[in-house]
Amino acid sequence: MSNCRAILRGVDEFFTQVGIAANNGLYFLALAGALTIPDICGALESDNGWATGAKYAAWFDKHVASLHTPGWRSGEPILSGETCYQFRCSFLHQGTTHHLASNYSRIMFVECGATSNIFHMNVLNGALNIDVRLFCLEMVTAAQAWRGGVVGTELYETNLTKFVARYPQGLAPYYFAGVPVIG
């Protein structure tokens, strides 16, 4: 298998695994993975291949935020790229669900199946409530749609060569023959 095939499968496999985790109740893993998707996508289509808060927010606003625009607050999305980036930072770096600069007192992810109601993208007592499974799957769906539009572009293809991938038979010259590695 060529390295390019392994890398392409790595991007798809990453998105797929986030969805699998979300659909199987592995919500901490699914949420951590979903929150990195805008970073990954923003970096893959950038001039230097690096993620930044601005790239994260721009990618999220372009590909996900429109799903969360109910028409209140002058048509602004309930969850913007900036707010999602703040949450990403607090969740991944401090293990919290609130950020001092956030518009919300905290963001609460409701597990599906806990009630017959779906609590998704609503604000109660200053806290943003999001269905964790729906959110993760929305991020995956947005990323897959985005990828369909950037495959073949120079920036994407250049940055893709550095993306982490799983190599079932190892990765020369760093491998033990036949031992799967992620690298």
N, C-alpha and C. Protein backbone atom coordinates (compact mmCIF):
# COMPACT_ATOMS: atom_id res chain seq x y z
N MET A 1 0.85 -1.18 0.00
CA MET A 1 0.00 0.00 0.00
C MET A 1 0.89 1.24 0.00
N SER A 2 0.56 2.20 -0.84
CA SER A 2 1.35 3.43 -0.89
C SER A 2 1.05 4.29 0.33
N ASN A 3 2.00 5.17 0.67
CA ASN A 3 1.79 6.07 1.80
C ASN A 3 0.59 6.97 1.57
N CYS A 4 0.35 7.41 0.32
CA CYS A 4 -0.78 8.30 0.03
C CYS A 4 -2.10 7.60 0.38
N ARG A 5 -2.24 6.34 0.03
CA ARG A 5 -3.46 5.61 0.37
C ARG A 5 -3.64 5.51 1.87
N ALA A 6 -2.54 5.23 2.58
CA ALA A 6 -2.63 5.13 4.03
C ALA A 6 -3.06 6.46 4.63
N ILE A 7 -2.54 7.55 4.10
CA ILE A 7 -2.87 8.87 4.63
C ILE A 7 -4.33 9.21 4.34
N LEU A 8 -4.79 8.96 3.12
CA LEU A 8 -6.19 9.23 2.81
C LEU A 8 -7.09 8.43 3.73
N ARG A 9 -6.73 7.18 3.94
CA ARG A 9 -7.52 6.35 4.83
C ARG A 9 -7.42 6.89 6.26
N GLY A 10 -6.28 7.49 6.62
CA GLY A 10 -6.12 8.04 7.96
C GLY A 10 -7.12 9.15 8.24
N VAL A 11 -7.31 10.06 7.28
CA VAL A 11 -8.28 11.14 7.46
C VAL A 11 -9.69 10.56 7.57
N ASP A 12 -10.05 9.69 6.64
CA ASP A 12 -11.36 9.07 6.67
C ASP A 12 -11.54 8.24 7.94
N GLU A 13 -10.50 7.50 8.30
CA GLU A 13 -10.59 6.65 9.49
C GLU A 13 -10.77 7.48 10.75
N PHE A 14 -10.10 8.61 10.83
CA PHE A 14 -10.25 9.49 11.99
C PHE A 14 -11.70 9.94 12.12
N PHE A 15 -12.26 10.47 11.03
CA PHE A 15 -13.64 10.93 11.05
C PHE A 15 -14.59 9.78 11.39
N THR A 16 -14.36 8.63 10.79
CA THR A 16 -15.20 7.46 11.04
C THR A 16 -15.15 7.03 12.50
N GLN A 17 -13.96 7.03 13.09
CA GLN A 17 -13.83 6.60 14.48
C GLN A 17 -14.52 7.56 15.44
N VAL A 18 -14.53 8.85 15.13
CA VAL A 18 -15.28 9.81 15.96
C VAL A 18 -16.76 9.44 15.92
N GLY A 19 -17.28 9.15 14.73
CA GLY A 19 -18.68 8.75 14.60
C GLY A 19 -18.98 7.45 15.31
N ILE A 20 -18.10 6.48 15.21
CA ILE A 20 -18.30 5.20 15.90
C ILE A 20 -18.34 5.41 17.41
N ALA A 21 -17.42 6.22 17.92
CA ALA A 21 -17.40 6.50 19.35
C ALA A 21 -18.71 7.16 19.78
N ALA A 22 -19.20 8.12 19.00
CA ALA A 22 -20.45 8.81 19.33
C ALA A 22 -21.64 7.86 19.31
N ASN A 23 -21.67 6.98 18.34
CA ASN A 23 -22.79 6.04 18.22
C ASN A 23 -22.74 4.91 19.22
N ASN A 24 -21.63 4.77 19.91
CA ASN A 24 -21.48 3.67 20.88
C ASN A 24 -21.30 4.16 22.32
N GLY A 25 -21.68 5.39 22.58
CA GLY A 25 -21.68 5.90 23.94
C GLY A 25 -20.32 6.23 24.51
N LEU A 26 -19.30 6.33 23.68
CA LEU A 26 -17.96 6.72 24.14
C LEU A 26 -17.85 8.23 23.99
N TYR A 27 -18.63 8.94 24.78
CA TYR A 27 -18.84 10.36 24.56
C TYR A 27 -17.63 11.23 24.85
N PHE A 28 -16.83 10.90 25.85
CA PHE A 28 -15.62 11.69 26.09
C PHE A 28 -14.68 11.60 24.90
N LEU A 29 -14.48 10.40 24.38
CA LEU A 29 -13.59 10.22 23.23
C LEU A 29 -14.18 10.87 21.98
N ALA A 30 -15.47 10.67 21.77
CA ALA A 30 -16.13 11.25 20.60
C ALA A 30 -16.05 12.77 20.64
N LEU A 31 -16.31 13.35 21.80
CA LEU A 31 -16.30 14.80 21.93
C LEU A 31 -14.89 15.36 21.73
N ALA A 32 -13.89 14.71 22.32
CA ALA A 32 -12.51 15.16 22.12
C ALA A 32 -12.14 15.10 20.65
N GLY A 33 -12.50 14.02 19.98
CA GLY A 33 -12.21 13.90 18.55
C GLY A 33 -12.96 14.92 17.73
N ALA A 34 -14.24 15.10 18.02
CA ALA A 34 -15.06 16.06 17.26
C ALA A 34 -14.53 17.48 17.42
N LEU A 35 -14.07 17.81 18.62
CA LEU A 35 -13.57 19.16 18.86
C LEU A 35 -12.24 19.43 18.16
N THR A 36 -11.54 18.40 17.72
CA THR A 36 -10.29 18.60 16.98
C THR A 36 -10.52 18.70 15.48
N ILE A 37 -11.68 18.31 15.01
CA ILE A 37 -11.95 18.30 13.56
C ILE A 37 -11.74 19.67 12.91
N PRO A 38 -12.27 20.77 13.45
CA PRO A 38 -12.00 22.07 12.80
C PRO A 38 -10.51 22.43 12.77
N ASP A 39 -9.76 22.03 13.81
CA ASP A 39 -8.31 22.25 13.80
C ASP A 39 -7.67 21.49 12.64
N ILE A 40 -8.00 20.22 12.53
CA ILE A 40 -7.42 19.36 11.49
C ILE A 40 -7.77 19.88 10.10
N CYS A 41 -9.04 20.16 9.89
CA CYS A 41 -9.48 20.62 8.57
C CYS A 41 -8.88 21.99 8.23
N GLY A 42 -8.87 22.89 9.19
CA GLY A 42 -8.28 24.20 8.96
C GLY A 42 -6.80 24.11 8.63
N ALA A 43 -6.09 23.22 9.31
CA ALA A 43 -4.65 23.05 9.04
C ALA A 43 -4.42 22.40 7.69
N LEU A 44 -5.25 21.43 7.32
CA LEU A 44 -5.05 20.72 6.05
C LEU A 44 -5.25 21.62 4.83
N GLU A 45 -5.99 22.71 4.98
CA GLU A 45 -6.18 23.59 3.83
C GLU A 45 -5.45 24.93 3.98
N SER A 46 -4.51 25.01 4.94
CA SER A 46 -3.81 26.27 5.16
C SER A 46 -2.47 26.33 4.45
N ASP A 47 -1.96 27.54 4.29
CA ASP A 47 -0.67 27.75 3.62
C ASP A 47 0.48 27.06 4.33
N ASN A 48 0.46 27.05 5.66
CA ASN A 48 1.59 26.50 6.41
C ASN A 48 1.30 25.17 7.08
N GLY A 49 0.09 24.65 6.96
CA GLY A 49 -0.25 23.36 7.55
C GLY A 49 -0.46 23.38 9.05
N TRP A 50 -0.53 24.57 9.64
CA TRP A 50 -0.68 24.70 11.08
C TRP A 50 -2.10 25.13 11.45
N ALA A 51 -2.54 24.68 12.61
CA ALA A 51 -3.84 25.07 13.15
C ALA A 51 -3.67 26.32 14.01
N THR A 52 -4.68 27.18 13.98
CA THR A 52 -4.74 28.34 14.87
C THR A 52 -6.18 28.52 15.31
N GLY A 53 -6.38 29.32 16.34
CA GLY A 53 -7.73 29.62 16.79
C GLY A 53 -8.56 30.30 15.71
N ALA A 54 -7.93 31.19 14.96
CA ALA A 54 -8.65 31.90 13.90
C ALA A 54 -9.06 30.94 12.78
N LYS A 55 -8.17 30.02 12.41
CA LYS A 55 -8.51 29.04 11.37
C LYS A 55 -9.62 28.11 11.86
N TYR A 56 -9.55 27.71 13.12
CA TYR A 56 -10.59 26.87 13.73
C TYR A 56 -11.95 27.55 13.63
N ALA A 57 -12.01 28.79 14.13
CA ALA A 57 -13.28 29.52 14.15
C ALA A 57 -13.82 29.73 12.74
N ALA A 58 -12.95 30.07 11.80
CA ALA A 58 -13.39 30.30 10.42
C ALA A 58 -13.93 29.02 9.80
N TRP A 59 -13.24 27.89 10.03
CA TRP A 59 -13.71 26.62 9.46
C TRP A 59 -15.06 26.25 10.07
N PHE A 60 -15.18 26.36 11.38
CA PHE A 60 -16.43 26.02 12.05
C PHE A 60 -17.57 26.92 11.56
N ASP A 61 -17.32 28.22 11.49
CA ASP A 61 -18.36 29.15 11.03
C ASP A 61 -18.82 28.83 9.61
N LYS A 62 -17.89 28.44 8.76
CA LYS A 62 -18.23 28.15 7.37
C LYS A 62 -18.94 26.81 7.20
N HIS A 63 -18.57 25.80 7.98
CA HIS A 63 -19.05 24.44 7.72
C HIS A 63 -20.02 23.88 8.74
N VAL A 64 -20.11 24.48 9.93
CA VAL A 64 -20.95 23.89 10.98
C VAL A 64 -21.94 24.88 11.57
N ALA A 65 -21.55 26.11 11.79
CA ALA A 65 -22.38 27.07 12.54
C ALA A 65 -23.77 27.26 11.94
N SER A 66 -23.88 27.16 10.62
CA SER A 66 -25.19 27.36 9.99
C SER A 66 -26.21 26.32 10.45
N LEU A 67 -25.74 25.19 10.95
CA LEU A 67 -26.66 24.17 11.48
C LEU A 67 -27.30 24.63 12.78
N HIS A 68 -26.71 25.64 13.40
CA HIS A 68 -27.14 26.08 14.73
C HIS A 68 -27.62 27.52 14.73
N THR A 69 -28.32 27.91 13.66
CA THR A 69 -28.83 29.28 13.56
C THR A 69 -30.35 29.24 13.59
N PRO A 70 -30.93 29.40 14.77
CA PRO A 70 -32.39 29.29 14.88
C PRO A 70 -33.15 30.57 14.56
N GLY A 71 -32.44 31.66 14.30
CA GLY A 71 -33.13 32.89 14.00
C GLY A 71 -33.22 33.85 15.16
N TRP A 72 -32.81 33.44 16.32
CA TRP A 72 -32.81 34.36 17.46
C TRP A 72 -31.49 35.11 17.48
N ARG A 73 -31.39 36.13 18.26
CA ARG A 73 -30.19 36.97 18.35
C ARG A 73 -29.74 37.43 16.98
N SER A 74 -30.65 37.98 16.22
CA SER A 74 -30.35 38.54 14.90
C SER A 74 -29.81 37.50 13.93
N GLY A 75 -30.25 36.27 14.06
CA GLY A 75 -29.85 35.23 13.13
C GLY A 75 -28.46 34.68 13.37
N GLU A 76 -27.83 35.03 14.47
CA GLU A 76 -26.50 34.50 14.78
C GLU A 76 -26.64 33.05 15.23
N PRO A 77 -25.63 32.23 14.96
CA PRO A 77 -25.69 30.84 15.42
C PRO A 77 -25.61 30.76 16.94
N ILE A 78 -26.26 29.78 17.51
CA ILE A 78 -26.16 29.56 18.96
C ILE A 78 -24.73 29.21 19.33
N LEU A 79 -24.08 28.43 18.48
CA LEU A 79 -22.69 28.04 18.72
C LEU A 79 -21.85 28.55 17.55
N SER A 80 -21.06 29.56 17.81
CA SER A 80 -20.19 30.14 16.77
C SER A 80 -18.83 29.45 16.81
N GLY A 81 -18.03 29.72 15.80
CA GLY A 81 -16.68 29.18 15.76
C GLY A 81 -15.85 29.65 16.94
N GLU A 82 -15.98 30.91 17.30
CA GLU A 82 -15.21 31.43 18.43
C GLU A 82 -15.61 30.75 19.74
N THR A 83 -16.92 30.59 19.96
CA THR A 83 -17.39 29.95 21.19
C THR A 83 -16.99 28.48 21.21
N CYS A 84 -17.09 27.81 20.07
CA CYS A 84 -16.69 26.40 20.01
C CYS A 84 -15.19 26.26 20.27
N TYR A 85 -14.40 27.18 19.72
CA TYR A 85 -12.95 27.15 19.96
C TYR A 85 -12.64 27.36 21.44
N GLN A 86 -13.34 28.28 22.08
CA GLN A 86 -13.14 28.49 23.52
C GLN A 86 -13.46 27.21 24.29
N PHE A 87 -14.58 26.58 23.91
CA PHE A 87 -14.94 25.33 24.59
C PHE A 87 -13.91 24.25 24.32
N ARG A 88 -13.46 24.15 23.09
CA ARG A 88 -12.42 23.17 22.74
C ARG A 88 -11.21 23.34 23.63
N CYS A 89 -10.76 24.59 23.80
CA CYS A 89 -9.59 24.87 24.64
C CYS A 89 -9.84 24.46 26.09
N SER A 90 -10.98 24.84 26.63
CA SER A 90 -11.26 24.51 28.03
C SER A 90 -11.41 23.01 28.23
N PHE A 91 -12.06 22.34 27.30
CA PHE A 91 -12.29 20.89 27.43
C PHE A 91 -10.99 20.11 27.26
N LEU A 92 -10.25 20.39 26.20
CA LEU A 92 -9.06 19.60 25.91
C LEU A 92 -7.86 19.94 26.78
N HIS A 93 -7.78 21.19 27.24
CA HIS A 93 -6.59 21.59 28.00
C HIS A 93 -6.80 21.64 29.51
N GLN A 94 -8.02 21.98 29.94
CA GLN A 94 -8.26 22.06 31.38
C GLN A 94 -9.27 21.03 31.88
N GLY A 95 -9.94 20.35 30.96
CA GLY A 95 -10.94 19.38 31.38
C GLY A 95 -12.17 20.02 31.99
N THR A 96 -12.54 21.21 31.51
CA THR A 96 -13.72 21.90 32.02
C THR A 96 -14.72 22.14 30.89
N THR A 97 -15.93 22.50 31.28
CA THR A 97 -16.96 22.78 30.27
C THR A 97 -17.35 24.25 30.26
N HIS A 98 -16.47 25.08 30.76
CA HIS A 98 -16.75 26.52 30.68
C HIS A 98 -15.43 27.27 30.48
N HIS A 99 -15.54 28.36 29.79
CA HIS A 99 -14.39 29.19 29.47
C HIS A 99 -14.73 30.59 29.95
N LEU A 100 -13.78 31.26 30.56
CA LEU A 100 -14.04 32.59 31.13
C LEU A 100 -14.56 33.59 30.12
N ALA A 101 -14.15 33.47 28.85
CA ALA A 101 -14.57 34.43 27.84
C ALA A 101 -15.85 34.02 27.11
N SER A 102 -16.42 32.89 27.46
CA SER A 102 -17.60 32.38 26.76
C SER A 102 -18.84 33.21 27.04
N ASN A 103 -19.75 33.20 26.09
CA ASN A 103 -21.05 33.85 26.27
C ASN A 103 -21.96 33.04 27.19
N TYR A 104 -21.58 31.79 27.48
CA TYR A 104 -22.40 30.88 28.27
C TYR A 104 -21.69 30.57 29.59
N SER A 105 -22.50 30.35 30.63
CA SER A 105 -21.91 30.02 31.92
C SER A 105 -21.19 28.68 31.85
N ARG A 106 -21.68 27.82 31.00
CA ARG A 106 -21.02 26.54 30.71
C ARG A 106 -21.71 25.91 29.51
N ILE A 107 -21.08 24.92 28.95
CA ILE A 107 -21.69 24.14 27.88
C ILE A 107 -21.90 22.74 28.43
N MET A 108 -23.13 22.28 28.31
CA MET A 108 -23.48 20.96 28.84
C MET A 108 -23.89 20.05 27.69
N PHE A 109 -23.26 18.89 27.63
CA PHE A 109 -23.57 17.91 26.60
C PHE A 109 -24.47 16.85 27.21
N VAL A 110 -25.66 16.73 26.65
CA VAL A 110 -26.66 15.79 27.14
C VAL A 110 -26.49 14.47 26.38
N GLU A 111 -26.46 13.39 27.13
CA GLU A 111 -26.35 12.07 26.50
C GLU A 111 -27.69 11.66 25.93
N CYS A 112 -27.67 11.14 24.72
CA CYS A 112 -28.92 10.72 24.09
C CYS A 112 -29.45 9.47 24.79
N GLY A 113 -30.76 9.33 24.78
CA GLY A 113 -31.39 8.18 25.39
C GLY A 113 -31.68 8.35 26.87
N ALA A 114 -31.15 9.39 27.48
CA ALA A 114 -31.39 9.62 28.90
C ALA A 114 -32.83 10.07 29.14
N THR A 115 -33.42 10.65 28.12
CA THR A 115 -34.80 11.12 28.18
C THR A 115 -35.39 11.00 26.77
N SER A 116 -36.67 11.05 26.66
CA SER A 116 -37.28 10.97 25.32
C SER A 116 -37.16 12.30 24.57
N ASN A 117 -36.78 13.36 25.27
CA ASN A 117 -36.59 14.66 24.65
C ASN A 117 -35.16 14.79 24.13
N ILE A 118 -34.99 15.62 23.13
CA ILE A 118 -33.66 15.93 22.61
C ILE A 118 -33.35 17.36 23.00
N PHE A 119 -32.28 17.54 23.75
CA PHE A 119 -31.82 18.86 24.15
C PHE A 119 -30.61 19.20 23.29
N HIS A 120 -30.85 19.99 22.26
CA HIS A 120 -29.77 20.29 21.31
C HIS A 120 -29.84 21.75 20.90
N MET A 121 -28.78 22.47 21.22
CA MET A 121 -28.62 23.86 20.84
C MET A 121 -29.73 24.73 21.43
N ASN A 122 -29.89 24.61 22.75
CA ASN A 122 -30.78 25.53 23.45
C ASN A 122 -30.08 26.03 24.70
N VAL A 123 -30.55 27.16 25.19
CA VAL A 123 -29.93 27.79 26.34
C VAL A 123 -30.92 27.76 27.50
N LEU A 124 -30.45 27.19 28.61
CA LEU A 124 -31.25 27.13 29.83
C LEU A 124 -30.43 27.69 30.98
N ASN A 125 -30.94 28.72 31.62
CA ASN A 125 -30.24 29.34 32.76
C ASN A 125 -28.80 29.73 32.43
N GLY A 126 -28.59 30.22 31.23
CA GLY A 126 -27.27 30.69 30.83
C GLY A 126 -26.32 29.61 30.33
N ALA A 127 -26.76 28.35 30.38
CA ALA A 127 -25.92 27.24 29.91
C ALA A 127 -26.41 26.77 28.54
N LEU A 128 -25.47 26.52 27.65
CA LEU A 128 -25.80 25.97 26.33
C LEU A 128 -25.89 24.46 26.46
N ASN A 129 -27.02 23.91 26.03
CA ASN A 129 -27.24 22.47 26.08
C ASN A 129 -27.13 21.89 24.68
N ILE A 130 -26.33 20.86 24.55
CA ILE A 130 -26.07 20.24 23.25
C ILE A 130 -26.19 18.73 23.39
N ASP A 131 -26.87 18.08 22.46
CA ASP A 131 -26.90 16.62 22.41
C ASP A 131 -25.52 16.15 21.94
N VAL A 132 -24.80 15.44 22.77
CA VAL A 132 -23.41 15.09 22.48
C VAL A 132 -23.29 14.24 21.21
N ARG A 133 -24.16 13.28 21.04
CA ARG A 133 -24.10 12.42 19.86
C ARG A 133 -24.37 13.22 18.59
N LEU A 134 -25.42 14.03 18.60
CA LEU A 134 -25.74 14.83 17.42
C LEU A 134 -24.61 15.78 17.07
N PHE A 135 -24.04 16.43 18.07
CA PHE A 135 -22.94 17.37 17.84
C PHE A 135 -21.76 16.66 17.18
N CYS A 136 -21.36 15.54 17.71
CA CYS A 136 -20.21 14.81 17.15
C CYS A 136 -20.49 14.37 15.72
N LEU A 137 -21.69 13.89 15.47
CA LEU A 137 -22.03 13.44 14.11
C LEU A 137 -22.14 14.62 13.14
N GLU A 138 -22.59 15.77 13.62
CA GLU A 138 -22.62 16.97 12.78
C GLU A 138 -21.20 17.37 12.38
N MET A 139 -20.28 17.30 13.31
CA MET A 139 -18.88 17.65 13.01
C MET A 139 -18.31 16.69 11.98
N VAL A 140 -18.58 15.40 12.15
CA VAL A 140 -18.07 14.39 11.21
C VAL A 140 -18.68 14.62 9.83
N THR A 141 -19.97 14.82 9.76
CA THR A 141 -20.64 15.04 8.48
C THR A 141 -20.10 16.29 7.78
N ALA A 142 -19.91 17.36 8.53
CA ALA A 142 -19.35 18.59 7.96
C ALA A 142 -17.95 18.36 7.43
N ALA A 143 -17.14 17.61 8.17
CA ALA A 143 -15.76 17.33 7.75
C ALA A 143 -15.73 16.47 6.49
N GLN A 144 -16.59 15.48 6.43
CA GLN A 144 -16.63 14.63 5.23
C GLN A 144 -17.07 15.42 4.00
N ALA A 145 -18.04 16.29 4.16
CA ALA A 145 -18.48 17.14 3.05
C ALA A 145 -17.37 18.09 2.65
N TRP A 146 -16.71 18.69 3.62
CA TRP A 146 -15.58 19.60 3.35
C TRP A 146 -14.49 18.88 2.58
N ARG A 147 -14.13 17.68 3.03
CA ARG A 147 -13.05 16.93 2.39
C ARG A 147 -13.36 16.66 0.93
N GLY A 148 -14.61 16.38 0.63
CA GLY A 148 -15.00 16.16 -0.76
C GLY A 148 -14.71 17.35 -1.65
N GLY A 149 -14.72 18.55 -1.08
CA GLY A 149 -14.46 19.76 -1.85
C GLY A 149 -13.01 20.18 -1.93
N VAL A 150 -12.14 19.61 -1.09
CA VAL A 150 -10.74 20.05 -1.09
C VAL A 150 -9.78 18.99 -1.62
N VAL A 151 -10.24 17.76 -1.75
CA VAL A 151 -9.36 16.72 -2.29
C VAL A 151 -8.90 17.15 -3.68
N GLY A 152 -7.60 17.06 -3.90
CA GLY A 152 -7.03 17.45 -5.18
C GLY A 152 -6.46 18.85 -5.21
N THR A 153 -6.81 19.68 -4.21
CA THR A 153 -6.23 21.01 -4.18
C THR A 153 -4.78 20.93 -3.69
N GLU A 154 -3.97 21.87 -4.14
CA GLU A 154 -2.54 21.83 -3.82
C GLU A 154 -2.27 21.90 -2.31
N LEU A 155 -2.92 22.82 -1.62
CA LEU A 155 -2.68 22.96 -0.19
C LEU A 155 -3.07 21.70 0.57
N TYR A 156 -4.24 21.18 0.29
CA TYR A 156 -4.72 19.98 0.96
C TYR A 156 -3.78 18.80 0.72
N GLU A 157 -3.44 18.58 -0.54
CA GLU A 157 -2.60 17.43 -0.88
C GLU A 157 -1.21 17.56 -0.25
N THR A 158 -0.67 18.77 -0.21
CA THR A 158 0.64 19.00 0.41
C THR A 158 0.58 18.71 1.90
N ASN A 159 -0.42 19.27 2.58
CA ASN A 159 -0.53 19.09 4.03
C ASN A 159 -0.93 17.67 4.41
N LEU A 160 -1.63 17.00 3.53
CA LEU A 160 -2.09 15.64 3.80
C LEU A 160 -0.92 14.67 4.00
N THR A 161 0.19 14.94 3.35
CA THR A 161 1.34 14.03 3.47
C THR A 161 1.87 13.97 4.90
N LYS A 162 1.52 14.96 5.73
CA LYS A 162 1.98 14.98 7.12
C LYS A 162 0.93 14.46 8.10
N PHE A 163 -0.26 14.13 7.61
CA PHE A 163 -1.35 13.72 8.49
C PHE A 163 -1.08 12.33 9.06
N VAL A 164 -1.43 12.15 10.31
CA VAL A 164 -1.26 10.86 10.98
C VAL A 164 -2.12 9.79 10.28
N ALA A 165 -1.57 8.59 10.20
CA ALA A 165 -2.30 7.49 9.57
C ALA A 165 -1.96 6.18 10.27
N ARG A 166 -2.78 5.19 10.05
CA ARG A 166 -2.53 3.84 10.56
C ARG A 166 -1.94 3.03 9.41
N TYR A 167 -0.85 2.35 9.70
CA TYR A 167 -0.17 1.51 8.72
C TYR A 167 -0.23 0.07 9.22
N PRO A 168 -1.17 -0.71 8.69
CA PRO A 168 -1.39 -2.08 9.19
C PRO A 168 -0.17 -2.98 9.10
N GLN A 169 0.71 -2.72 8.15
CA GLN A 169 1.90 -3.57 7.98
C GLN A 169 3.18 -2.88 8.44
N GLY A 170 3.05 -1.77 9.15
CA GLY A 170 4.21 -1.03 9.62
C GLY A 170 4.53 0.12 8.68
N LEU A 171 5.53 0.91 9.04
CA LEU A 171 5.92 2.07 8.26
C LEU A 171 7.44 2.08 8.13
N ALA A 172 7.91 1.78 6.93
CA ALA A 172 9.36 1.72 6.69
C ALA A 172 9.96 3.10 6.80
N PRO A 173 11.12 3.28 7.31
CA PRO A 173 12.01 2.27 7.88
C PRO A 173 11.87 2.13 9.39
N TYR A 174 10.76 2.59 9.96
CA TYR A 174 10.61 2.66 11.41
C TYR A 174 9.86 1.50 12.04
N TYR A 175 9.58 0.45 11.34
CA TYR A 175 8.63 -0.55 11.82
C TYR A 175 9.26 -1.91 12.08
N PHE A 176 8.50 -2.68 12.83
CA PHE A 176 8.74 -4.10 12.94
C PHE A 176 7.82 -4.72 11.89
N ALA A 177 8.34 -5.53 11.01
CA ALA A 177 7.56 -6.07 9.90
C ALA A 177 6.25 -6.68 10.39
N GLY A 178 5.15 -6.22 9.78
CA GLY A 178 3.84 -6.77 10.08
C GLY A 178 3.17 -6.21 11.32
N VAL A 179 3.80 -5.29 12.02
CA VAL A 179 3.23 -4.72 13.24
C VAL A 179 2.51 -3.42 12.90
N PRO A 180 1.20 -3.34 13.15
CA PRO A 180 0.48 -2.11 12.85
C PRO A 180 1.00 -0.94 13.69
N VAL A 181 1.12 0.21 13.04
CA VAL A 181 1.55 1.43 13.74
C VAL A 181 0.67 2.60 13.31
N ILE A 182 0.60 3.58 14.18
CA ILE A 182 -0.03 4.85 13.85
C ILE A 182 1.11 5.85 13.87
N GLY A 183 1.29 6.53 12.74
CA GLY A 183 2.43 7.44 12.67
C GLY A 183 2.27 8.50 11.63
